[in-house]
Amino acid sequence: MGFGTFLMAVAGPLARKVLVSLGFGLVTYAAVSAALAAALDAAKAAWAGLAGEALALIQIAGINTAASILAGALVARVALQMTKRIGLVK
């Protein structure tokens, strides 16, 4: 048994495991990202259906800013969870 055979016996299963876990992580990220995008699109459509006076009151109250901050936080959380799941960050 040569060194190359030994190296392939050790690295082969490890490389396969890494590629499989990366694949599952990317598929999961794509699914979660698509679900979050759909939820944000639904929220945008709901905002568009409101009357002008209601939108003015919402803007005065700062609810649109709060919704933007919340949406940004959700996107950041999904991105961080996926990088942890893939193994890029501990």
Protein backbone atom coordinates (compact mmCIF):
# COMPACT_ATOMS: atom_id res chain seq x y z
CA MET A 1 0.00 0.00 0.00
CA GLY A 2 1.52 3.27 -1.16
CA PHE A 3 1.27 6.73 0.31
CA GLY A 4 -1.19 7.84 -2.40
CA THR A 5 -3.53 4.97 -1.61
CA PHE A 6 -3.36 5.75 2.08
CA LEU A 7 -4.03 9.44 1.43
CA MET A 8 -7.07 8.66 -0.75
CA ALA A 9 -8.38 6.23 1.89
CA VAL A 10 -8.18 8.95 4.53
CA ALA A 11 -9.19 12.03 2.50
CA GLY A 12 -11.88 10.41 0.34
CA PRO A 13 -14.54 9.91 3.02
CA LEU A 14 -13.73 13.27 4.59
CA ALA A 15 -14.10 15.10 1.28
CA ARG A 16 -17.36 13.29 0.58
CA LYS A 17 -18.72 14.23 4.01
CA VAL A 18 -17.77 17.89 3.53
CA LEU A 19 -19.36 18.06 0.08
CA VAL A 20 -22.57 16.42 1.28
CA SER A 21 -22.91 18.76 4.26
CA LEU A 22 -22.21 21.78 2.06
CA GLY A 23 -24.90 20.61 -0.34
CA PHE A 24 -27.48 20.26 2.42
CA GLY A 25 -26.50 23.63 3.84
CA LEU A 26 -26.87 25.37 0.49
CA VAL A 27 -30.22 23.73 -0.20
CA THR A 28 -31.46 24.69 3.26
CA TYR A 29 -30.22 28.26 2.80
CA ALA A 30 -31.96 28.50 -0.57
CA ALA A 31 -35.24 27.25 0.90
CA VAL A 32 -35.14 29.55 3.93
CA SER A 33 -34.09 32.49 1.77
CA ALA A 34 -36.96 31.86 -0.65
CA ALA A 35 -39.47 31.61 2.22
CA LEU A 36 -38.19 34.86 3.74
CA ALA A 37 -38.34 36.61 0.37
CA ALA A 38 -41.93 35.45 -0.10
CA ALA A 39 -42.87 36.76 3.36
CA LEU A 40 -41.26 40.12 2.63
CA ASP A 41 -43.05 40.33 -0.72
CA ALA A 42 -46.37 39.60 1.00
CA ALA A 43 -45.67 42.35 3.53
CA LYS A 44 -44.86 44.79 0.71
CA ALA A 45 -48.10 43.88 -1.04
CA ALA A 46 -50.04 44.44 2.17
CA TRP A 47 -48.44 47.88 2.58
CA ALA A 48 -49.34 48.77 -1.01
CA GLY A 49 -53.00 47.98 -0.37
CA LEU A 50 -53.40 50.56 2.40
CA ALA A 51 -55.05 53.92 1.87
CA GLY A 52 -52.98 57.09 1.68
CA GLU A 53 -54.12 58.41 5.04
CA ALA A 54 -53.26 55.16 6.76
CA LEU A 55 -49.81 55.17 5.16
CA ALA A 56 -49.27 58.75 6.34
CA LEU A 57 -50.13 57.80 9.91
CA ILE A 58 -47.88 54.75 9.73
CA GLN A 59 -45.02 56.91 8.48
CA ILE A 60 -45.55 59.49 11.24
CA ALA A 61 -45.55 56.72 13.85
CA GLY A 62 -42.33 55.25 12.41
CA ILE A 63 -43.82 51.82 11.86
CA ASN A 64 -42.28 51.59 8.39
CA THR A 65 -38.81 52.13 9.89
CA ALA A 66 -39.46 49.49 12.53
CA ALA A 67 -40.61 47.05 9.84
CA SER A 68 -37.45 47.73 7.83
CA ILE A 69 -35.27 47.11 10.89
CA LEU A 70 -37.15 43.88 11.63
CA ALA A 71 -36.79 42.65 8.05
CA GLY A 72 -33.05 43.42 8.11
CA ALA A 73 -32.67 41.56 11.39
CA LEU A 74 -34.46 38.51 9.98
CA VAL A 75 -32.23 38.46 6.89
CA ALA A 76 -29.10 38.82 9.05
CA ARG A 77 -30.23 36.01 11.38
CA VAL A 78 -30.89 33.65 8.49
CA ALA A 79 -27.50 34.44 6.98
CA LEU A 80 -25.68 33.87 10.28
CA GLN A 81 -27.51 30.63 11.01
CA MET A 82 -26.68 29.28 7.58
CA THR A 83 -22.99 30.16 7.90
CA LYS A 84 -22.94 28.35 11.26
CA ARG A 85 -24.71 25.36 9.76
CA ILE A 86 -22.35 25.20 6.78
CA GLY A 87 -19.40 25.45 9.15
CA LEU A 88 -17.90 28.77 8.08
CA VAL A 89 -18.37 30.33 11.54
CA LYS A 90 -18.42 28.67 14.96
